[in-house]
């Protein structure tokens, strides 16, 4: 019984470490190359010569979760500033 609880706690710790690692990667590198634009260079499609619908020809797109990580970072910075000023 105790071994099962320890196993669940260890698994929860590993999952938390994976989530924090992903958040750190997304915080450091929030953008990646647009796969749709890269694909259009390799295989041009004559019927689709307009702007890329995904990145609007910026050739970069945000990673999944980058917006949320950015908002969390801004809220932590604001909380830190409020704590230091009081």
C-alpha atoms as a PDB file:
ATOM      1  CA  UNK A   1       0.000   0.000   0.000  1.00  0.00           C
ATOM      2  CA  UNK A   2       2.766   2.443   0.937  1.00  0.00           C
ATOM      3  CA  UNK A   3       4.766   1.443  -2.133  1.00  0.00           C
ATOM      4  CA  UNK A   4       1.788   2.309  -4.344  1.00  0.00           C
ATOM      5  CA  UNK A   5       1.536   5.789  -2.813  1.00  0.00           C
ATOM      6  CA  UNK A   6       5.270   6.337  -3.270  1.00  0.00           C
ATOM      7  CA  UNK A   7       5.011   5.184  -6.883  1.00  0.00           C
ATOM      8  CA  UNK A   8       2.135   7.614  -7.574  1.00  0.00           C
ATOM      9  CA  UNK A   9       4.053  10.469  -5.907  1.00  0.00           C
ATOM     10  CA  UNK A  10       7.140   9.689  -7.982  1.00  0.00           C
ATOM     11  CA  UNK A  11       5.069   9.573 -11.155  1.00  0.00           C
ATOM     12  CA  UNK A  12       3.415  12.896 -10.272  1.00  0.00           C
ATOM     13  CA  UNK A  13       6.863  14.420  -9.738  1.00  0.00           C
ATOM     14  CA  UNK A  14       8.061  13.207 -13.135  1.00  0.00           C
ATOM     15  CA  UNK A  15       4.961  14.597 -14.844  1.00  0.00           C
ATOM     16  CA  UNK A  16       5.437  17.941 -13.086  1.00  0.00           C
ATOM     17  CA  UNK A  17       9.086  18.042 -14.191  1.00  0.00           C
ATOM     18  CA  UNK A  18       8.055  17.341 -17.788  1.00  0.00           C
ATOM     19  CA  UNK A  19       5.453  20.141 -17.712  1.00  0.00           C
ATOM     20  CA  UNK A  20       7.951  22.595 -16.225  1.00  0.00           C
ATOM     21  CA  UNK A  21      10.564  21.576 -18.808  1.00  0.00           C
ATOM     22  CA  UNK A  22       8.121  22.139 -21.646  1.00  0.00           C
ATOM     23  CA  UNK A  23       7.169  25.530 -20.194  1.00  0.00           C
ATOM     24  CA  UNK A  24      10.846  26.494 -20.013  1.00  0.00           C
ATOM     25  CA  UNK A  25      11.429  25.484 -23.640  1.00  0.00           C
ATOM     26  CA  UNK A  26       8.370  27.424 -24.779  1.00  0.00           C
ATOM     27  CA  UNK A  27       9.462  30.439 -22.717  1.00  0.00           C
ATOM     28  CA  UNK A  28      12.949  30.479 -24.265  1.00  0.00           C
ATOM     29  CA  UNK A  29      11.941  29.578 -27.844  1.00  0.00           C
ATOM     30  CA  UNK A  30       8.304  30.672 -28.320  1.00  0.00           C
ATOM     31  CA  UNK A  31       8.444  30.701 -32.132  1.00  0.00           C
ATOM     32  CA  UNK A  32       9.213  28.028 -34.688  1.00  0.00           C
ATOM     33  CA  UNK A  33       9.302  27.921 -38.473  1.00  0.00           C
ATOM     34  CA  UNK A  34       5.989  27.693 -40.247  1.00  0.00           C
ATOM     35  CA  UNK A  35       5.577  24.232 -41.718  1.00  0.00           C
ATOM     36  CA  UNK A  36       3.061  25.429 -44.283  1.00  0.00           C
ATOM     37  CA  UNK A  37       5.481  27.980 -45.766  1.00  0.00           C
ATOM     38  CA  UNK A  38       8.346  25.484 -45.844  1.00  0.00           C
ATOM     39  CA  UNK A  39       6.077  23.008 -47.597  1.00  0.00           C
ATOM     40  CA  UNK A  40       5.062  25.657 -50.147  1.00  0.00           C
ATOM     41  CA  UNK A  41       8.735  26.156 -51.071  1.00  0.00           C
ATOM     42  CA  UNK A  42       9.314  22.448 -51.641  1.00  0.00           C
ATOM     43  CA  UNK A  43       6.009  21.776 -53.406  1.00  0.00           C
ATOM     44  CA  UNK A  44       4.632  25.005 -54.849  1.00  0.00           C
ATOM     45  CA  UNK A  45       0.929  25.013 -55.469  1.00  0.00           C
ATOM     46  CA  UNK A  46      -0.137  27.241 -58.363  1.00  0.00           C
ATOM     47  CA  UNK A  47      -3.684  27.537 -57.025  1.00  0.00           C
ATOM     48  CA  UNK A  48      -2.459  28.984 -53.712  1.00  0.00           C
ATOM     49  CA  UNK A  49      -0.152  31.929 -54.385  1.00  0.00           C
ATOM     50  CA  UNK A  50      -1.639  34.225 -51.756  1.00  0.00           C
ATOM     51  CA  UNK A  51      -0.447  34.750 -48.202  1.00  0.00           C
ATOM     52  CA  UNK A  52       0.033  31.769 -45.965  1.00  0.00           C
ATOM     53  CA  UNK A  53      -3.183  31.310 -43.990  1.00  0.00           C
ATOM     54  CA  UNK A  54      -1.310  30.065 -40.955  1.00  0.00           C
ATOM     55  CA  UNK A  55       1.468  32.623 -40.397  1.00  0.00           C
ATOM     56  CA  UNK A  56       0.470  35.411 -42.853  1.00  0.00           C
ATOM     57  CA  UNK A  57       3.897  35.218 -44.551  1.00  0.00           C
ATOM     58  CA  UNK A  58       5.869  35.937 -41.385  1.00  0.00           C
ATOM     59  CA  UNK A  59       7.442  32.474 -41.729  1.00  0.00           C
ATOM     60  CA  UNK A  60       7.188  32.004 -37.941  1.00  0.00           C
ATOM     61  CA  UNK A  61       4.430  30.662 -35.749  1.00  0.00           C
ATOM     62  CA  UNK A  62       4.001  30.402 -32.008  1.00  0.00           C
ATOM     63  CA  UNK A  63       4.459  27.081 -30.303  1.00  0.00           C
ATOM     64  CA  UNK A  64       1.536  25.462 -28.537  1.00  0.00           C
ATOM     65  CA  UNK A  65       1.246  27.042 -25.094  1.00  0.00           C
ATOM     66  CA  UNK A  66       3.533  30.010 -25.816  1.00  0.00           C
ATOM     67  CA  UNK A  67       0.791  32.562 -25.200  1.00  0.00           C
ATOM     68  CA  UNK A  68      -0.155  31.047 -21.849  1.00  0.00           C
ATOM     69  CA  UNK A  69       3.469  30.825 -20.713  1.00  0.00           C
ATOM     70  CA  UNK A  70       3.992  34.458 -21.696  1.00  0.00           C
ATOM     71  CA  UNK A  71       0.938  35.570 -19.708  1.00  0.00           C
ATOM     72  CA  UNK A  72       2.124  33.625 -16.658  1.00  0.00           C
ATOM     73  CA  UNK A  73       5.565  35.233 -16.946  1.00  0.00           C
ATOM     74  CA  UNK A  74       4.026  38.715 -17.155  1.00  0.00           C
ATOM     75  CA  UNK A  75       1.793  38.080 -14.145  1.00  0.00           C
ATOM     76  CA  UNK A  76       4.742  36.792 -12.104  1.00  0.00           C
ATOM     77  CA  UNK A  77       6.802  39.860 -13.017  1.00  0.00           C
ATOM     78  CA  UNK A  78       3.910  42.120 -12.020  1.00  0.00           C
ATOM     79  CA  UNK A  79       3.427  40.272  -8.724  1.00  0.00           C
ATOM     80  CA  UNK A  80       7.146  40.526  -7.991  1.00  0.00           C
ATOM     81  CA  UNK A  81       7.115  44.286  -8.695  1.00  0.00           C
ATOM     82  CA  UNK A  82       4.074  44.771  -6.447  1.00  0.00           C
ATOM     83  CA  UNK A  83       5.699  42.767  -3.676  1.00  0.00           C
ATOM     84  CA  UNK A  84       8.938  44.759  -3.923  1.00  0.00           C
ATOM     85  CA  UNK A  85       7.134  48.129  -3.916  1.00  0.00           C
ATOM     86  CA  UNK A  86       5.091  47.402  -0.788  1.00  0.00           C
END
